[in-house]
Amino acid sequence: MELAEVMRTTFACREFTDQPVSDTDIEAIIELARFAPSGGNRQPARVVAVRDEATKHSLRQCAEPSMRVYLAQSAAGENPWNSVYPSMVDIEAIWNRSEPVTSLDYLEAAPVLLCIGADLSLIASLDRMLDRVGLISGASVYPFAWNLLLAARDRGLGGVLTTAVAGQESVAQEILGFEPHVAVAAVIALGHPTRQLTKLRRAPVSDILRWERWGPEEQPEG
């Protein structure tokens, strides 16, 4: 598959067949993903491949409180978990509910979960002194995660990335064997898609790109 096609058709896959994902597939995907850039080429990504049903269930339970809040905020017309505007929903009450979140069923249905850790001792978090939520650390691990999804798509596999597990990071770290300084950056559910999507909805370039400075859309000269 051509690179442009892979990039334009890598979709968030949450429905999988019963066909297993082989060790060979997983190793081949990691083989390609590892060439992603990272700060200082320190390569802080760590991956645990999880097939065990009980472990998948435990990770799903880690993700449920964060996702319950996400869904409640969405229903209230908010942008979930944004760090700019305060939420009007009762986060603590929603967090502590016990009902399962059916939208996370894919975490147990997927043949394998690729759990990505980021060794923070190797990452230059250049925005750590700013008075806002940190972003820069992710630059050294999420290119790896995206490479992984692209490589999976190229092999006919599909996956979806969630960060909801990080809402209970210390529990997830214990489950996965990560040390406290290894952040739980993402969990990717991976498998053979029940169907392949080829047309994805995305904002047009005109919504994303400005020339020289952000402001009302203007046409470049020349």
Protein backbone atom coordinates (compact mmCIF):
# COMPACT_ATOMS: atom_id res chain seq x y z
CA MET A 1 0.00 0.00 0.00
CA GLU A 2 1.33 3.47 -0.88
CA LEU A 3 2.20 5.75 2.06
CA ALA A 4 -0.37 8.38 1.07
CA GLU A 5 -3.13 5.77 1.04
CA VAL A 6 -2.08 4.41 4.42
CA MET A 7 -2.15 7.93 5.91
CA ARG A 8 -5.54 8.76 4.38
CA THR A 9 -7.24 5.50 5.41
CA THR A 10 -5.92 4.69 8.89
CA PHE A 11 -9.16 4.86 10.84
CA ALA A 12 -10.16 4.31 14.47
CA CYS A 13 -11.12 0.63 14.44
CA ARG A 14 -13.20 -0.69 17.34
CA GLU A 15 -14.77 -3.77 15.75
CA PHE A 16 -12.63 -6.83 15.21
CA THR A 17 -12.99 -10.35 13.86
CA ASP A 18 -12.04 -13.36 15.95
CA GLN A 19 -8.83 -13.82 13.96
CA PRO A 20 -5.81 -13.54 16.26
CA VAL A 21 -2.93 -11.14 15.74
CA SER A 22 0.28 -13.13 15.42
CA ASP A 23 3.53 -12.50 17.25
CA THR A 24 5.08 -11.99 13.82
CA ASP A 25 2.63 -9.18 13.04
CA ILE A 26 3.24 -7.47 16.37
CA GLU A 27 7.01 -7.69 16.07
CA ALA A 28 6.91 -6.40 12.48
CA ILE A 29 4.77 -3.44 13.52
CA ILE A 30 7.11 -2.54 16.37
CA GLU A 31 10.07 -2.96 14.02
CA LEU A 32 8.70 -0.11 11.89
CA ALA A 33 7.25 2.01 14.69
CA ARG A 34 10.61 2.22 16.47
CA PHE A 35 11.95 4.51 13.73
CA ALA A 36 9.72 7.33 14.97
CA PRO A 37 11.59 10.46 16.09
CA SER A 38 12.02 11.28 19.76
CA GLY A 39 13.78 14.05 21.64
CA GLY A 40 17.54 13.47 21.57
CA ASN A 41 16.80 10.09 19.95
CA ARG A 42 16.37 8.75 23.49
CA GLN A 43 13.53 6.44 22.40
CA PRO A 44 11.49 6.38 25.63
CA ALA A 45 8.63 4.21 24.33
CA ARG A 46 7.96 0.90 26.05
CA VAL A 47 5.33 -1.59 24.88
CA VAL A 48 3.53 -4.40 26.68
CA ALA A 49 1.42 -6.64 24.43
CA VAL A 50 -1.57 -7.98 26.37
CA ARG A 51 -3.66 -10.95 25.27
CA ASP A 52 -4.73 -12.25 28.69
CA GLU A 53 -8.48 -11.75 29.15
CA ALA A 54 -8.26 -10.90 32.85
CA THR A 55 -5.58 -8.28 32.21
CA LYS A 56 -7.62 -6.71 29.41
CA HIS A 57 -10.61 -6.55 31.75
CA SER A 58 -8.52 -4.85 34.44
CA LEU A 59 -7.26 -2.25 31.97
CA ARG A 60 -10.81 -1.62 30.81
CA GLN A 61 -11.81 -0.97 34.42
CA CYS A 62 -8.96 1.56 34.69
CA ALA A 63 -10.37 3.42 31.69
CA GLU A 64 -14.04 3.48 32.74
CA PRO A 65 -14.07 6.40 35.24
CA SER A 66 -12.37 8.79 32.81
CA MET A 67 -14.68 7.70 30.00
CA ARG A 68 -17.80 8.08 32.16
CA VAL A 69 -16.83 11.70 32.76
CA TYR A 70 -15.98 12.15 29.07
CA LEU A 71 -19.43 10.96 28.01
CA ALA A 72 -21.22 13.07 30.62
CA GLN A 73 -19.35 16.20 29.58
CA SER A 74 -20.10 15.50 25.92
CA ALA A 75 -23.79 15.10 26.73
CA ALA A 76 -23.67 18.47 28.52
CA GLY A 77 -22.31 20.14 25.39
CA GLU A 78 -18.78 20.51 26.75
CA ASN A 79 -15.46 19.64 25.15
CA PRO A 80 -14.55 16.72 27.43
CA TRP A 81 -11.61 16.99 29.79
CA ASN A 82 -10.45 20.30 28.29
CA SER A 83 -8.01 22.17 30.51
CA VAL A 84 -9.30 25.70 29.71
CA TYR A 85 -12.95 25.92 30.70
CA PRO A 86 -14.35 24.52 33.97
CA SER A 87 -16.83 21.66 33.73
CA MET A 88 -20.41 22.07 34.90
CA VAL A 89 -20.88 18.35 35.57
CA ASP A 90 -20.20 16.69 38.93
CA ILE A 91 -16.95 14.95 37.98
CA GLU A 92 -16.41 13.23 41.33
CA ALA A 93 -19.91 11.75 41.44
CA ILE A 94 -19.70 10.50 37.86
CA TRP A 95 -16.18 9.16 38.38
CA ASN A 96 -17.32 7.03 41.34
CA ARG A 97 -20.27 5.37 39.63
CA SER A 98 -19.96 1.65 39.06
CA GLU A 99 -21.88 0.95 35.85
CA PRO A 100 -19.78 -0.35 32.93
CA VAL A 101 -19.10 1.87 29.92
CA THR A 102 -20.23 -0.09 26.89
CA SER A 103 -18.24 2.12 24.51
CA LEU A 104 -15.11 0.50 25.97
CA ASP A 105 -16.16 -3.04 25.05
CA TYR A 106 -13.55 -3.02 22.28
CA LEU A 107 -10.77 -3.15 24.89
CA GLU A 108 -11.83 -6.69 25.75
CA ALA A 109 -12.97 -7.67 22.26
CA ALA A 110 -9.64 -6.83 20.62
CA PRO A 111 -7.30 -9.81 20.17
CA VAL A 112 -4.41 -7.83 21.64
CA LEU A 113 -3.81 -4.55 23.47
CA LEU A 114 -0.53 -2.76 22.88
CA CYS A 115 0.08 -0.72 26.01
CA ILE A 116 2.55 2.11 25.46
CA GLY A 117 4.61 3.53 28.27
CA ALA A 118 6.83 6.60 28.15
CA ASP A 119 9.96 6.62 30.30
CA LEU A 120 9.85 10.17 31.65
CA SER A 121 13.46 9.96 32.82
CA LEU A 122 14.44 10.06 29.13
CA ILE A 123 12.10 12.88 28.01
CA ALA A 124 12.89 16.61 27.92
CA SER A 125 9.60 18.11 29.17
CA LEU A 126 10.39 21.64 28.03
CA ASP A 127 7.00 23.02 29.08
CA ARG A 128 7.09 21.72 32.65
CA MET A 129 7.45 25.25 34.06
CA LEU A 130 4.45 26.67 32.20
CA ASP A 131 1.13 27.27 33.94
CA ARG A 132 -0.85 24.87 31.77
CA VAL A 133 -1.23 21.18 31.17
CA GLY A 134 1.93 19.64 29.73
CA LEU A 135 2.10 18.75 26.04
CA ILE A 136 5.74 18.55 25.04
CA SER A 137 6.47 15.18 26.65
CA GLY A 138 4.09 13.52 24.23
CA ALA A 139 6.23 14.55 21.27
CA SER A 140 8.67 11.79 22.18
CA VAL A 141 6.11 8.97 22.33
CA TYR A 142 3.02 9.71 20.19
CA PRO A 143 4.89 9.69 16.87
CA PHE A 144 5.81 6.12 17.85
CA ALA A 145 2.16 5.34 18.58
CA TRP A 146 1.05 6.76 15.24
CA ASN A 147 3.80 4.88 13.38
CA LEU A 148 2.47 1.76 15.05
CA LEU A 149 -1.07 2.40 13.76
CA LEU A 150 0.21 3.17 10.26
CA ALA A 151 2.28 -0.02 10.21
CA ALA A 152 -0.74 -1.99 11.40
CA ARG A 153 -2.91 -0.51 8.64
CA ASP A 154 -0.29 -1.42 6.04
CA ARG A 155 -0.55 -5.06 7.18
CA GLY A 156 -4.35 -5.07 6.91
CA LEU A 157 -4.87 -4.67 10.65
CA GLY A 158 -6.80 -1.95 12.44
CA GLY A 159 -6.57 -0.29 15.80
CA VAL A 160 -7.67 2.55 17.98
CA LEU A 161 -5.74 4.54 20.57
CA THR A 162 -7.16 5.48 23.96
CA THR A 163 -5.60 7.50 26.77
CA ALA A 164 -8.49 6.93 29.19
CA VAL A 165 -6.49 4.33 31.12
CA ALA A 166 -4.20 7.11 32.39
CA GLY A 167 -7.03 8.34 34.61
CA GLN A 168 -5.98 5.54 36.97
CA GLU A 169 -2.35 5.45 35.97
CA SER A 170 -0.90 4.02 39.17
CA VAL A 171 -3.25 1.03 38.93
CA ALA A 172 -2.41 0.55 35.25
CA GLN A 173 1.32 0.78 35.99
CA GLU A 174 0.98 -2.01 38.55
CA ILE A 175 -0.98 -4.16 36.10
CA LEU A 176 1.57 -3.67 33.33
CA GLY A 177 4.72 -3.79 35.45
CA PHE A 178 5.72 -0.22 34.61
CA GLU A 179 7.84 1.66 37.14
CA PRO A 180 6.37 4.92 38.54
CA HIS A 181 8.46 7.05 36.17
CA VAL A 182 7.05 5.24 33.12
CA ALA A 183 3.85 7.08 32.21
CA VAL A 184 0.97 5.17 30.66
CA ALA A 185 0.79 7.10 27.40
CA ALA A 186 -1.73 5.03 25.46
CA VAL A 187 -3.42 1.70 24.98
CA ILE A 188 -3.96 0.58 21.39
CA ALA A 189 -6.57 -2.10 20.74
CA LEU A 190 -5.43 -4.05 17.70
CA GLY A 191 -6.97 -6.68 15.47
CA HIS A 192 -8.39 -7.57 12.08
CA PRO A 193 -11.20 -5.11 11.26
CA THR A 194 -14.68 -6.41 10.56
CA ARG A 195 -14.71 -3.85 7.72
CA GLN A 196 -12.25 -1.46 6.14
CA LEU A 197 -13.02 2.25 5.89
CA THR A 198 -11.47 4.19 3.03
CA LYS A 199 -13.10 7.64 3.33
CA LEU A 200 -12.43 9.51 6.55
CA ARG A 201 -14.01 12.79 7.64
CA ARG A 202 -11.47 15.50 8.44
CA ALA A 203 -11.43 19.29 8.52
CA PRO A 204 -10.29 20.95 5.29
CA VAL A 205 -6.80 22.39 5.00
CA SER A 206 -8.30 25.90 5.09
CA ASP A 207 -9.44 25.29 8.68
CA ILE A 208 -5.96 24.24 9.74
CA LEU A 209 -3.46 26.36 7.84
CA ARG A 210 -2.62 30.07 8.06
CA TRP A 211 0.38 31.90 6.58
CA GLU A 212 2.85 33.76 8.82
CA ARG A 213 0.38 34.35 11.69
CA TRP A 214 -2.91 32.85 12.97
CA GLY A 215 -5.97 34.92 12.11
CA PRO A 216 -8.81 35.15 9.58
CA GLU A 217 -8.19 33.10 6.47
CA GLU A 218 -6.26 35.02 3.82
CA GLN A 219 -4.89 33.84 0.51
CA PRO A 220 -1.08 33.80 0.25
CA GLU A 221 0.45 36.22 -2.23
CA GLY A 222 1.86 34.97 -5.50
